[in-house]
Amino acid sequence: MTVLVTGGAGYIGSHAVRKLIHNDHRVVVVDNLFRGHRAAVHPDATFVELDLAATDELSRIMRKNEVTAVLHFAALAYVGESVTSPLQYYRNNTAGTLSLLEAMQAADVHRLIFSSTCATYGVPEQLPLNESTRQVPINPYGWSKLFVEQILKDKAAADPKFACIGLRYFNVAGCADDGSLGEDHTPETHLIPLLLQTALGQRESITVFGNDYPTPDGTCIRDYVHVDDLADAHLLALEHLQPGCAEFLNVGIGRGHSVRETIDAVIRVTGREVPLEYGARRPGDPPELWANGDRIRQEFGWEPKFANLEDNVATAWEWFRSHPHGYEKTAT
């Protein structure tokens, strides 16, 4: 199978490309490198630097390479930025997906796996979150993804050949278990990389936003899924695509870890102290957010290999130690 991967130079996309190639798929990566890294693209993948807005060129690339399916990762994903620059998010995430769908239609490609997000749920009314939980996003990032979910449902209803599965991610963490790929964001906003950078001395301290939540230790609780387990979920979803399908599934471990528990795991794995400061709660941060992942287990047979938080953190620590400056320069 030839798979086109949008955003294949990014954190999650690059790990999925690696899995696809290891499973003998041919891969074409399309990425505009706005926040992706050329060095993260697998050497056996065909790489095209291109923005999703280039509909006709996308279609030409699909026809030329005889693409049979698309994994769509390309998106902006900073919640705070989406609040200050909403049009950028709707243009890139929502309109960009429309352009991709038009290109697929013109190239006679009908199979799509879409990267959605737990941000479509907003502040949960119940836990754990299952697929029928009411979706009311509280920021433009979440809305930009929810709009795409509706577009995909409408497309599937109108086109009997079209098939799509959307995966609603929870907190993605970790790095490739063989050390070949990692997490390199600018700016960095994810908790585990921030903790590891602090452990490496690259940051003086890390701020914990709120320690007075109604949780056992007062800090927020989140569901962490390893990036390789998430990549496996995409390959399983690809295998289960059927014409007329428009299905949306949670991908999470099914239990949460608090910020304090995550800090303690980093200290145990690294053997280093992590200086902390405590700040006020961030607006819109729910006390707890974790998934009911029963459906993806039952329907696809997906099982996370990195369900233990320390194992997850250990893969990230291996990457950050050997790549202290990300893809720019490795340690000597």
C-alpha atoms as a PDB file:
ATOM      1  CA  MET A   1       0.000   0.000   0.000  1.00  0.00           C
ATOM      2  CA  THR A   2       1.194   3.545  -0.741  1.00  0.00           C
ATOM      3  CA  VAL A   3       0.262   5.954   2.049  1.00  0.00           C
ATOM      4  CA  LEU A   4       0.487   9.721   1.926  1.00  0.00           C
ATOM      5  CA  VAL A   5       1.282  11.167   5.366  1.00  0.00           C
ATOM      6  CA  THR A   6       0.600  14.846   5.938  1.00  0.00           C
ATOM      7  CA  GLY A   7       2.686  16.319   8.733  1.00  0.00           C
ATOM      8  CA  GLY A   8       5.103  13.402   8.481  1.00  0.00           C
ATOM      9  CA  ALA A   9       8.002  15.608   9.620  1.00  0.00           C
ATOM     10  CA  GLY A  10       6.268  16.324  12.921  1.00  0.00           C
ATOM     11  CA  TYR A  11       6.381  14.516  16.258  1.00  0.00           C
ATOM     12  CA  ILE A  12       3.506  12.049  15.860  1.00  0.00           C
ATOM     13  CA  GLY A  13       3.607  11.880  12.074  1.00  0.00           C
ATOM     14  CA  SER A  14       7.283  10.909  11.938  1.00  0.00           C
ATOM     15  CA  HIS A  15       6.691   8.025  14.341  1.00  0.00           C
ATOM     16  CA  ALA A  16       3.755   6.815  12.247  1.00  0.00           C
ATOM     17  CA  VAL A  17       5.880   6.971   9.080  1.00  0.00           C
ATOM     18  CA  ARG A  18       8.505   4.803  10.768  1.00  0.00           C
ATOM     19  CA  LYS A  19       5.860   2.221  11.680  1.00  0.00           C
ATOM     20  CA  LEU A  20       4.400   2.219   8.169  1.00  0.00           C
ATOM     21  CA  ILE A  21       7.792   1.627   6.559  1.00  0.00           C
ATOM     22  CA  HIS A  22       8.646  -1.121   9.050  1.00  0.00           C
ATOM     23  CA  ASN A  23       5.392  -2.760   7.979  1.00  0.00           C
ATOM     24  CA  ASP A  24       6.417  -2.669   4.299  1.00  0.00           C
ATOM     25  CA  HIS A  25       4.212   0.232   3.190  1.00  0.00           C
ATOM     26  CA  ARG A  26       5.470   2.805   0.709  1.00  0.00           C
ATOM     27  CA  VAL A  27       5.220   6.308   2.195  1.00  0.00           C
ATOM     28  CA  VAL A  28       5.007   9.791   0.718  1.00  0.00           C
ATOM     29  CA  VAL A  29       5.449  12.568   3.304  1.00  0.00           C
ATOM     30  CA  VAL A  30       3.942  16.004   2.674  1.00  0.00           C
ATOM     31  CA  ASP A  31       4.965  18.690   5.177  1.00  0.00           C
ATOM     32  CA  ASN A  32       5.495  22.445   4.896  1.00  0.00           C
ATOM     33  CA  LEU A  33       8.188  22.278   7.634  1.00  0.00           C
ATOM     34  CA  PHE A  34       6.594  25.200   9.508  1.00  0.00           C
ATOM     35  CA  ARG A  35       7.061  23.278  12.741  1.00  0.00           C
ATOM     36  CA  GLY A  36       8.264  19.935  11.416  1.00  0.00           C
ATOM     37  CA  HIS A  37      11.861  18.800  10.989  1.00  0.00           C
ATOM     38  CA  ARG A  38      13.346  17.531   7.751  1.00  0.00           C
ATOM     39  CA  ALA A  39      15.704  15.352   9.814  1.00  0.00           C
ATOM     40  CA  ALA A  40      12.690  13.536  11.309  1.00  0.00           C
ATOM     41  CA  VAL A  41      11.555  12.220   7.920  1.00  0.00           C
ATOM     42  CA  HIS A  42      12.410   8.556   7.415  1.00  0.00           C
ATOM     43  CA  PRO A  43      15.134   8.130   4.755  1.00  0.00           C
ATOM     44  CA  ASP A  44      13.029   5.547   2.906  1.00  0.00           C
ATOM     45  CA  ALA A  45      10.061   7.898   2.552  1.00  0.00           C
ATOM     46  CA  THR A  46       9.501  10.187  -0.424  1.00  0.00           C
ATOM     47  CA  PHE A  47       9.445  13.755   0.883  1.00  0.00           C
ATOM     48  CA  VAL A  48       7.606  16.725  -0.634  1.00  0.00           C
ATOM     49  CA  GLU A  49       7.737  20.150   1.007  1.00  0.00           C
ATOM     50  CA  LEU A  50       4.252  21.493   0.406  1.00  0.00           C
ATOM     51  CA  ASP A  51       1.406  23.277   2.168  1.00  0.00           C
ATOM     52  CA  LEU A  52      -2.034  21.646   2.331  1.00  0.00           C
ATOM     53  CA  ALA A  53      -3.549  24.698   0.624  1.00  0.00           C
ATOM     54  CA  ALA A  54      -1.937  23.572  -2.663  1.00  0.00           C
ATOM     55  CA  THR A  55      -4.910  21.409  -3.669  1.00  0.00           C
ATOM     56  CA  ASP A  56      -3.966  20.750  -7.284  1.00  0.00           C
ATOM     57  CA  GLU A  57      -0.370  19.857  -6.443  1.00  0.00           C
ATOM     58  CA  LEU A  58      -1.531  17.528  -3.663  1.00  0.00           C
ATOM     59  CA  SER A  59      -3.773  15.754  -6.149  1.00  0.00           C
ATOM     60  CA  ARG A  60      -0.934  15.483  -8.675  1.00  0.00           C
ATOM     61  CA  ILE A  61       1.365  13.975  -6.031  1.00  0.00           C
ATOM     62  CA  MET A  62      -1.269  11.386  -5.115  1.00  0.00           C
ATOM     63  CA  ARG A  63      -1.803  10.351  -8.739  1.00  0.00           C
ATOM     64  CA  LYS A  64       1.920  10.278  -9.535  1.00  0.00           C
ATOM     65  CA  ASN A  65       2.706   8.058  -6.533  1.00  0.00           C
ATOM     66  CA  GLU A  66      -0.453   5.916  -6.842  1.00  0.00           C
ATOM     67  CA  VAL A  67      -1.477   6.763  -3.274  1.00  0.00           C
ATOM     68  CA  THR A  68      -4.198   4.506  -1.862  1.00  0.00           C
ATOM     69  CA  ALA A  69      -4.702   6.009   1.617  1.00  0.00           C
ATOM     70  CA  VAL A  70      -3.917   9.150   3.632  1.00  0.00           C
ATOM     71  CA  LEU A  71      -2.835   9.604   7.252  1.00  0.00           C
ATOM     72  CA  HIS A  72      -3.565  13.231   8.102  1.00  0.00           C
ATOM     73  CA  PHE A  73      -1.456  14.662  10.941  1.00  0.00           C
ATOM     74  CA  ALA A  74      -0.721  18.169   9.623  1.00  0.00           C
ATOM     75  CA  ALA A  75      -2.178  20.711  12.062  1.00  0.00           C
ATOM     76  CA  LEU A  76      -1.380  23.538  14.405  1.00  0.00           C
ATOM     77  CA  ALA A  77      -1.886  22.355  17.968  1.00  0.00           C
ATOM     78  CA  TYR A  78      -1.168  25.078  20.551  1.00  0.00           C
ATOM     79  CA  VAL A  79      -4.320  25.830  22.524  1.00  0.00           C
ATOM     80  CA  GLY A  80      -3.173  29.274  23.696  1.00  0.00           C
ATOM     81  CA  GLU A  81      -2.063  30.282  20.223  1.00  0.00           C
ATOM     82  CA  SER A  82      -5.433  29.220  18.828  1.00  0.00           C
ATOM     83  CA  VAL A  83      -7.128  31.690  21.190  1.00  0.00           C
ATOM     84  CA  THR A  84      -4.958  34.614  20.063  1.00  0.00           C
ATOM     85  CA  SER A  85      -4.804  33.584  16.369  1.00  0.00           C
ATOM     86  CA  PRO A  86      -8.064  31.751  15.654  1.00  0.00           C
ATOM     87  CA  LEU A  87      -8.145  32.468  11.919  1.00  0.00           C
ATOM     88  CA  GLN A  88      -4.733  30.832  11.514  1.00  0.00           C
ATOM     89  CA  TYR A  89      -6.105  27.659  13.123  1.00  0.00           C
ATOM     90  CA  TYR A  90      -9.290  27.566  11.085  1.00  0.00           C
ATOM     91  CA  ARG A  91      -7.339  28.217   7.896  1.00  0.00           C
ATOM     92  CA  ASN A  92      -4.675  25.609   8.582  1.00  0.00           C
ATOM     93  CA  ASN A  93      -6.604  22.888  10.395  1.00  0.00           C
ATOM     94  CA  THR A  94     -10.106  23.158   8.955  1.00  0.00           C
ATOM     95  CA  ALA A  95      -9.608  24.723   5.522  1.00  0.00           C
ATOM     96  CA  GLY A  96      -6.392  22.727   5.075  1.00  0.00           C
ATOM     97  CA  THR A  97      -8.316  19.502   5.570  1.00  0.00           C
ATOM     98  CA  LEU A  98     -10.941  20.654   3.054  1.00  0.00           C
ATOM     99  CA  SER A  99      -8.157  21.192   0.531  1.00  0.00           C
ATOM    100  CA  LEU A 100      -6.791  17.721   1.267  1.00  0.00           C
ATOM    101  CA  LEU A 101     -10.228  16.133   0.823  1.00  0.00           C
ATOM    102  CA  GLU A 102     -10.710  17.921  -2.506  1.00  0.00           C
ATOM    103  CA  ALA A 103      -7.292  16.695  -3.637  1.00  0.00           C
ATOM    104  CA  MET A 104      -8.152  13.143  -2.581  1.00  0.00           C
ATOM    105  CA  GLN A 105     -11.422  13.278  -4.481  1.00  0.00           C
ATOM    106  CA  ALA A 106      -9.702  14.522  -7.637  1.00  0.00           C
ATOM    107  CA  ALA A 107      -7.061  11.777  -7.344  1.00  0.00           C
ATOM    108  CA  ASP A 108      -9.642   9.042  -6.660  1.00  0.00           C
ATOM    109  CA  VAL A 109      -8.291   8.360  -3.154  1.00  0.00           C
ATOM    110  CA  HIS A 110     -10.998   7.416  -0.663  1.00  0.00           C
ATOM    111  CA  ARG A 111      -9.316   6.213   2.567  1.00  0.00           C
ATOM    112  CA  LEU A 112      -8.370   8.595   5.373  1.00  0.00           C
ATOM    113  CA  ILE A 113      -7.163   8.357   8.980  1.00  0.00           C
ATOM    114  CA  PHE A 114      -7.611  11.718  10.703  1.00  0.00           C
ATOM    115  CA  SER A 115      -5.811  13.053  13.790  1.00  0.00           C
ATOM    116  CA  SER A 116      -8.482  14.459  16.051  1.00  0.00           C
ATOM    117  CA  THR A 117      -8.149  15.396  19.708  1.00  0.00           C
ATOM    118  CA  CYS A 118      -9.696  15.125  23.152  1.00  0.00           C
ATOM    119  CA  ALA A 119      -9.901  18.948  22.989  1.00  0.00           C
ATOM    120  CA  THR A 120     -13.170  18.453  21.086  1.00  0.00           C
ATOM    121  CA  TYR A 121     -14.768  17.407  24.396  1.00  0.00           C
ATOM    122  CA  GLY A 122     -13.993  20.658  26.205  1.00  0.00           C
ATOM    123  CA  VAL A 123     -14.422  20.558  29.984  1.00  0.00           C
ATOM    124  CA  PRO A 124     -15.832  17.091  30.718  1.00  0.00           C
ATOM    125  CA  GLU A 125     -19.121  16.588  32.510  1.00  0.00           C
ATOM    126  CA  GLN A 126     -18.191  12.988  33.323  1.00  0.00           C
ATOM    127  CA  LEU A 127     -15.141  10.731  33.512  1.00  0.00           C
ATOM    128  CA  PRO A 128     -13.786   8.724  31.922  1.00  0.00           C
ATOM    129  CA  LEU A 129     -14.486  10.321  28.554  1.00  0.00           C
ATOM    130  CA  ASN A 130     -16.077   7.954  26.073  1.00  0.00           C
ATOM    131  CA  GLU A 131     -16.923   8.527  22.430  1.00  0.00           C
ATOM    132  CA  SER A 132     -20.497   9.559  23.192  1.00  0.00           C
ATOM    133  CA  THR A 133     -19.462  12.268  25.675  1.00  0.00           C
ATOM    134  CA  ARG A 134     -20.854  15.639  24.607  1.00  0.00           C
ATOM    135  CA  GLN A 135     -18.375  17.604  22.474  1.00  0.00           C
ATOM    136  CA  VAL A 136     -18.246  21.288  23.388  1.00  0.00           C
ATOM    137  CA  PRO A 137     -14.744  22.678  22.740  1.00  0.00           C
ATOM    138  CA  ILE A 138     -13.575  25.662  24.764  1.00  0.00           C
ATOM    139  CA  ASN A 139     -10.929  26.955  22.317  1.00  0.00           C
ATOM    140  CA  PRO A 140     -10.503  27.430  18.551  1.00  0.00           C
ATOM    141  CA  TYR A 141      -8.080  24.498  18.344  1.00  0.00           C
ATOM    142  CA  GLY A 142     -10.756  22.111  19.584  1.00  0.00           C
ATOM    143  CA  TRP A 143     -13.381  23.672  17.315  1.00  0.00           C
ATOM    144  CA  SER A 144     -11.074  23.484  14.278  1.00  0.00           C
ATOM    145  CA  LYS A 145     -10.845  19.705  14.793  1.00  0.00           C
ATOM    146  CA  LEU A 146     -14.523  19.210  15.613  1.00  0.00           C
ATOM    147  CA  PHE A 147     -15.525  21.043  12.432  1.00  0.00           C
ATOM    148  CA  VAL A 148     -13.386  18.557  10.498  1.00  0.00           C
ATOM    149  CA  GLU A 149     -15.101  15.623  12.220  1.00  0.00           C
ATOM    150  CA  GLN A 150     -18.451  16.953  10.998  1.00  0.00           C
ATOM    151  CA  ILE A 151     -17.084  17.488   7.492  1.00  0.00           C
ATOM    152  CA  LEU A 152     -15.859  13.896   7.408  1.00  0.00           C
ATOM    153  CA  LYS A 153     -19.250  12.585   8.562  1.00  0.00           C
ATOM    154  CA  ASP A 154     -20.977  14.579   5.827  1.00  0.00           C
ATOM    155  CA  LYS A 155     -18.472  13.431   3.214  1.00  0.00           C
ATOM    156  CA  ALA A 156     -18.972   9.771   4.176  1.00  0.00           C
ATOM    157  CA  ALA A 157     -22.751  10.162   4.029  1.00  0.00           C
ATOM    158  CA  ALA A 158     -22.556  11.635   0.524  1.00  0.00           C
ATOM    159  CA  ASP A 159     -19.845   9.362  -0.938  1.00  0.00           C
ATOM    160  CA  PRO A 160     -20.295   5.581  -0.517  1.00  0.00           C
ATOM    161  CA  LYS A 161     -16.667   4.972  -1.540  1.00  0.00           C
ATOM    162  CA  PHE A 162     -15.233   7.233   1.156  1.00  0.00           C
ATOM    163  CA  ALA A 163     -13.938   5.746   4.428  1.00  0.00           C
ATOM    164  CA  CYS A 164     -12.467   7.565   7.401  1.00  0.00           C
ATOM    165  CA  ILE A 165     -11.533   6.932  11.014  1.00  0.00           C
ATOM    166  CA  GLY A 166     -10.696   9.785  13.354  1.00  0.00           C
ATOM    167  CA  LEU A 167      -8.559   9.140  16.422  1.00  0.00           C
ATOM    168  CA  ARG A 168      -9.101  11.462  19.376  1.00  0.00           C
ATOM    169  CA  TYR A 169      -5.733  11.671  21.107  1.00  0.00           C
ATOM    170  CA  PHE A 170      -5.194  12.358  24.760  1.00  0.00           C
ATOM    171  CA  ASN A 171      -1.748  13.456  26.019  1.00  0.00           C
ATOM    172  CA  VAL A 172       0.921  12.047  23.712  1.00  0.00           C
ATOM    173  CA  ALA A 173       4.352  11.439  25.246  1.00  0.00           C
ATOM    174  CA  GLY A 174       7.548   9.426  24.882  1.00  0.00           C
ATOM    175  CA  CYS A 175       9.907   8.852  21.962  1.00  0.00           C
ATOM    176  CA  ALA A 176      10.744   6.002  19.604  1.00  0.00           C
ATOM    177  CA  ASP A 177      11.873   2.982  21.608  1.00  0.00           C
ATOM    178  CA  ASP A 178      14.993   2.602  19.437  1.00  0.00           C
ATOM    179  CA  GLY A 179      16.051   6.220  19.939  1.00  0.00           C
ATOM    180  CA  SER A 180      15.679   7.101  16.261  1.00  0.00           C
ATOM    181  CA  LEU A 181      12.979   9.742  16.697  1.00  0.00           C
ATOM    182  CA  GLY A 182      11.970  12.156  19.406  1.00  0.00           C
ATOM    183  CA  GLU A 183      10.010  15.200  20.474  1.00  0.00           C
ATOM    184  CA  ASP A 184      11.291  18.604  19.373  1.00  0.00           C
ATOM    185  CA  HIS A 185       8.869  21.529  19.611  1.00  0.00           C
ATOM    186  CA  THR A 186       9.489  25.269  19.490  1.00  0.00           C
ATOM    187  CA  PRO A 187       8.029  26.520  21.716  1.00  0.00           C
ATOM    188  CA  GLU A 188       7.783  23.479  23.972  1.00  0.00           C
ATOM    189  CA  THR A 189       4.550  23.252  25.977  1.00  0.00           C
ATOM    190  CA  HIS A 190       4.293  19.540  26.853  1.00  0.00           C
ATOM    191  CA  LEU A 191       4.868  18.603  30.483  1.00  0.00           C
ATOM    192  CA  ILE A 192       7.307  15.681  30.155  1.00  0.00           C
ATOM    193  CA  PRO A 193       9.720  17.433  27.753  1.00  0.00           C
ATOM    194  CA  LEU A 194       9.666  20.531  29.971  1.00  0.00           C
ATOM    195  CA  LEU A 195      10.516  18.380  32.988  1.00  0.00           C
ATOM    196  CA  LEU A 196      13.332  16.612  31.130  1.00  0.00           C
ATOM    197  CA  GLN A 197      14.773  19.905  29.887  1.00  0.00           C
ATOM    198  CA  THR A 198      14.749  21.101  33.482  1.00  0.00           C
ATOM    199  CA  ALA A 199      16.479  17.906  34.604  1.00  0.00           C
ATOM    200  CA  LEU A 200      19.131  18.566  31.950  1.00  0.00           C
ATOM    201  CA  GLY A 201      19.677  22.088  33.284  1.00  0.00           C
ATOM    202  CA  GLN A 202      18.293  23.741  30.161  1.00  0.00           C
ATOM    203  CA  ARG A 203      15.589  25.419  32.263  1.00  0.00           C
ATOM    204  CA  GLU A 204      16.036  26.819  35.761  1.00  0.00           C
ATOM    205  CA  SER A 205      12.708  25.449  36.954  1.00  0.00           C
ATOM    206  CA  ILE A 206       9.265  24.407  35.820  1.00  0.00           C
ATOM    207  CA  THR A 207       6.005  26.040  36.836  1.00  0.00           C
ATOM    208  CA  VAL A 208       3.128  23.860  37.999  1.00  0.00           C
ATOM    209  CA  PHE A 209      -0.107  25.657  37.227  1.00  0.00           C
ATOM    210  CA  GLY A 210      -2.323  25.012  40.232  1.00  0.00           C
ATOM    211  CA  ASN A 211      -1.874  22.703  43.204  1.00  0.00           C
ATOM    212  CA  ASP A 212      -5.326  23.207  44.710  1.00  0.00           C
ATOM    213  CA  TYR A 213      -7.450  21.112  42.363  1.00  0.00           C
ATOM    214  CA  PRO A 214      -9.924  18.576  43.820  1.00  0.00           C
ATOM    215  CA  THR A 215      -7.544  15.685  43.095  1.00  0.00           C
ATOM    216  CA  PRO A 216      -5.586  13.492  45.555  1.00  0.00           C
ATOM    217  CA  ASP A 217      -2.447  15.666  45.402  1.00  0.00           C
ATOM    218  CA  GLY A 218      -4.017  18.927  44.215  1.00  0.00           C
ATOM    219  CA  THR A 219      -2.549  18.840  40.682  1.00  0.00           C
ATOM    220  CA  CYS A 220      -4.263  18.115  37.365  1.00  0.00           C
ATOM    221  CA  ILE A 221      -4.634  14.529  36.168  1.00  0.00           C
ATOM    222  CA  ARG A 222      -4.060  13.562  32.538  1.00  0.00           C
ATOM    223  CA  ASP A 223      -3.994  10.398  30.383  1.00  0.00           C
ATOM    224  CA  TYR A 224      -0.594   9.823  28.715  1.00  0.00           C
ATOM    225  CA  VAL A 225      -0.381   7.618  25.615  1.00  0.00           C
ATOM    226  CA  HIS A 226       3.035   6.719  24.190  1.00  0.00           C
ATOM    227  CA  VAL A 227       3.696   8.008  20.693  1.00  0.00           C
ATOM    228  CA  ASP A 228       4.649   4.525  19.394  1.00  0.00           C
ATOM    229  CA  ASP A 229       1.415   3.074  20.788  1.00  0.00           C
ATOM    230  CA  LEU A 230      -0.453   5.877  19.050  1.00  0.00           C
ATOM    231  CA  ALA A 231       1.332   5.079  15.788  1.00  0.00           C
ATOM    232  CA  ASP A 232       0.260   1.442  16.182  1.00  0.00           C
ATOM    233  CA  ALA A 233      -3.336   2.637  16.580  1.00  0.00           C
ATOM    234  CA  HIS A 234      -3.102   4.380  13.199  1.00  0.00           C
ATOM    235  CA  LEU A 235      -1.908   1.240  11.453  1.00  0.00           C
ATOM    236  CA  LEU A 236      -4.716  -0.783  13.005  1.00  0.00           C
ATOM    237  CA  ALA A 237      -7.247   1.869  11.988  1.00  0.00           C
ATOM    238  CA  LEU A 238      -5.927   1.729   8.441  1.00  0.00           C
ATOM    239  CA  GLU A 239      -6.493  -2.024   8.365  1.00  0.00           C
ATOM    240  CA  HIS A 240     -10.098  -1.608   9.556  1.00  0.00           C
ATOM    241  CA  LEU A 241     -11.223   1.036   7.042  1.00  0.00           C
ATOM    242  CA  GLN A 242     -14.351   0.037   5.131  1.00  0.00           C
ATOM    243  CA  PRO A 243     -16.283   2.067   2.508  1.00  0.00           C
ATOM    244  CA  GLY A 244     -18.918   4.236   4.129  1.00  0.00           C
ATOM    245  CA  CYS A 245     -17.144   4.218   7.488  1.00  0.00           C
ATOM    246  CA  ALA A 246     -16.948   7.440   9.501  1.00  0.00           C
ATOM    247  CA  GLU A 247     -15.878   6.430  12.992  1.00  0.00           C
ATOM    248  CA  PHE A 248     -14.211   8.400  15.786  1.00  0.00           C
ATOM    249  CA  LEU A 249     -12.365   6.642  18.603  1.00  0.00           C
ATOM    250  CA  ASN A 250     -10.504   7.670  21.741  1.00  0.00           C
ATOM    251  CA  VAL A 251      -6.857   6.703  22.076  1.00  0.00           C
ATOM    252  CA  GLY A 252      -5.755   6.801  25.695  1.00  0.00           C
ATOM    253  CA  ILE A 253      -4.419   4.482  28.362  1.00  0.00           C
ATOM    254  CA  GLY A 254      -7.668   4.622  30.295  1.00  0.00           C
ATOM    255  CA  ARG A 255      -6.276   6.030  33.506  1.00  0.00           C
ATOM    256  CA  GLY A 256      -4.700   9.297  34.533  1.00  0.00           C
ATOM    257  CA  HIS A 257      -1.516  10.484  36.216  1.00  0.00           C
ATOM    258  CA  SER A 258      -1.269  13.749  38.093  1.00  0.00           C
ATOM    259  CA  VAL A 259       1.305  16.426  37.386  1.00  0.00           C
ATOM    260  CA  ARG A 260       2.938  15.573  40.715  1.00  0.00           C
ATOM    261  CA  GLU A 261       3.061  11.858  39.850  1.00  0.00           C
ATOM    262  CA  THR A 262       4.632  12.735  36.491  1.00  0.00           C
ATOM    263  CA  ILE A 263       7.260  14.905  38.165  1.00  0.00           C
ATOM    264  CA  ASP A 264       8.104  12.083  40.558  1.00  0.00           C
ATOM    265  CA  ALA A 265       8.393   9.620  37.644  1.00  0.00           C
ATOM    266  CA  VAL A 266      10.850  11.961  35.881  1.00  0.00           C
ATOM    267  CA  ILE A 267      12.941  12.282  39.062  1.00  0.00           C
ATOM    268  CA  ARG A 268      13.082   8.487  39.445  1.00  0.00           C
ATOM    269  CA  VAL A 269      13.983   7.857  35.788  1.00  0.00           C
ATOM    270  CA  THR A 270      16.603  10.597  35.493  1.00  0.00           C
ATOM    271  CA  GLY A 271      18.022  10.448  39.015  1.00  0.00           C
ATOM    272  CA  ARG A 272      18.018  14.250  38.999  1.00  0.00           C
ATOM    273  CA  GLU A 273      16.097  16.901  40.858  1.00  0.00           C
ATOM    274  CA  VAL A 274      13.570  19.058  39.046  1.00  0.00           C
ATOM    275  CA  PRO A 275      13.221  22.538  40.615  1.00  0.00           C
ATOM    276  CA  LEU A 276       9.568  23.564  40.823  1.00  0.00           C
ATOM    277  CA  GLU A 277       7.562  26.739  41.140  1.00  0.00           C
ATOM    278  CA  TYR A 278       3.825  26.853  41.718  1.00  0.00           C
ATOM    279  CA  GLY A 279       1.607  29.245  39.848  1.00  0.00           C
ATOM    280  CA  ALA A 280      -2.082  30.001  39.556  1.00  0.00           C
ATOM    281  CA  ARG A 281      -4.437  27.697  37.681  1.00  0.00           C
ATOM    282  CA  ARG A 282      -4.657  28.248  33.950  1.00  0.00           C
ATOM    283  CA  PRO A 283      -8.156  29.201  32.738  1.00  0.00           C
ATOM    284  CA  GLY A 284     -10.005  26.246  31.222  1.00  0.00           C
ATOM    285  CA  ASP A 285      -7.783  23.526  32.667  1.00  0.00           C
ATOM    286  CA  PRO A 286     -10.117  20.769  33.919  1.00  0.00           C
ATOM    287  CA  PRO A 287      -8.969  18.977  37.086  1.00  0.00           C
ATOM    288  CA  GLU A 288      -9.061  15.554  35.380  1.00  0.00           C
ATOM    289  CA  LEU A 289      -9.044  14.366  31.775  1.00  0.00           C
ATOM    290  CA  TRP A 290      -8.718  10.696  30.912  1.00  0.00           C
ATOM    291  CA  ALA A 291     -10.155   8.307  28.382  1.00  0.00           C
ATOM    292  CA  ASN A 292     -12.360   5.306  28.201  1.00  0.00           C
ATOM    293  CA  GLY A 293     -10.482   3.433  25.462  1.00  0.00           C
ATOM    294  CA  ASP A 294     -12.615   0.283  25.427  1.00  0.00           C
ATOM    295  CA  ARG A 295     -13.850   0.698  21.865  1.00  0.00           C
ATOM    296  CA  ILE A 296     -10.456   0.825  20.179  1.00  0.00           C
ATOM    297  CA  ARG A 297      -9.372  -2.210  22.199  1.00  0.00           C
ATOM    298  CA  GLN A 298     -12.495  -4.176  21.334  1.00  0.00           C
ATOM    299  CA  GLU A 299     -12.806  -3.162  17.689  1.00  0.00           C
ATOM    300  CA  PHE A 300      -9.138  -3.046  16.655  1.00  0.00           C
ATOM    301  CA  GLY A 301      -7.406  -5.177  19.292  1.00  0.00           C
ATOM    302  CA  TRP A 302      -5.180  -2.222  20.232  1.00  0.00           C
ATOM    303  CA  GLU A 303      -3.181  -2.623  23.428  1.00  0.00           C
ATOM    304  CA  PRO A 304      -0.625  -0.073  24.650  1.00  0.00           C
ATOM    305  CA  LYS A 305       2.880  -1.416  25.193  1.00  0.00           C
ATOM    306  CA  PHE A 306       3.903   1.570  27.314  1.00  0.00           C
ATOM    307  CA  ALA A 307       1.083   1.659  29.868  1.00  0.00           C
ATOM    308  CA  ASN A 308       3.582   2.272  32.690  1.00  0.00           C
ATOM    309  CA  LEU A 309       4.379   5.972  33.077  1.00  0.00           C
ATOM    310  CA  GLU A 310       8.037   5.400  33.974  1.00  0.00           C
ATOM    311  CA  ASP A 311       8.583   3.292  30.842  1.00  0.00           C
ATOM    312  CA  ASN A 312       7.053   6.087  28.806  1.00  0.00           C
ATOM    313  CA  VAL A 313       9.275   8.701  30.439  1.00  0.00           C
ATOM    314  CA  ALA A 314      12.378   6.511  30.005  1.00  0.00           C
ATOM    315  CA  THR A 315      12.050   6.511  26.202  1.00  0.00           C
ATOM    316  CA  ALA A 316      11.798  10.291  26.228  1.00  0.00           C
ATOM    317  CA  TRP A 317      14.790  10.628  28.567  1.00  0.00           C
ATOM    318  CA  GLU A 318      16.912   8.515  26.207  1.00  0.00           C
ATOM    319  CA  TRP A 319      16.089  10.882  23.349  1.00  0.00           C
ATOM    320  CA  PHE A 320      16.595  14.122  25.292  1.00  0.00           C
ATOM    321  CA  ARG A 321      19.947  12.976  26.687  1.00  0.00           C
ATOM    322  CA  SER A 322      21.297  12.072  23.246  1.00  0.00           C
ATOM    323  CA  HIS A 323      19.615  15.026  21.461  1.00  0.00           C
ATOM    324  CA  PRO A 324      19.821  17.916  23.966  1.00  0.00           C
ATOM    325  CA  HIS A 325      19.133  20.388  21.165  1.00  0.00           C
ATOM    326  CA  GLY A 326      16.555  18.276  19.362  1.00  0.00           C
ATOM    327  CA  TYR A 327      17.155  17.487  15.719  1.00  0.00           C
ATOM    328  CA  GLU A 328      19.523  20.427  15.398  1.00  0.00           C
ATOM    329  CA  LYS A 329      22.519  18.716  17.021  1.00  0.00           C
ATOM    330  CA  THR A 330      23.134  15.439  18.847  1.00  0.00           C
ATOM    331  CA  ALA A 331      25.222  15.014  21.968  1.00  0.00           C
ATOM    332  CA  THR A 332      28.911  14.175  21.524  1.00  0.00           C
END
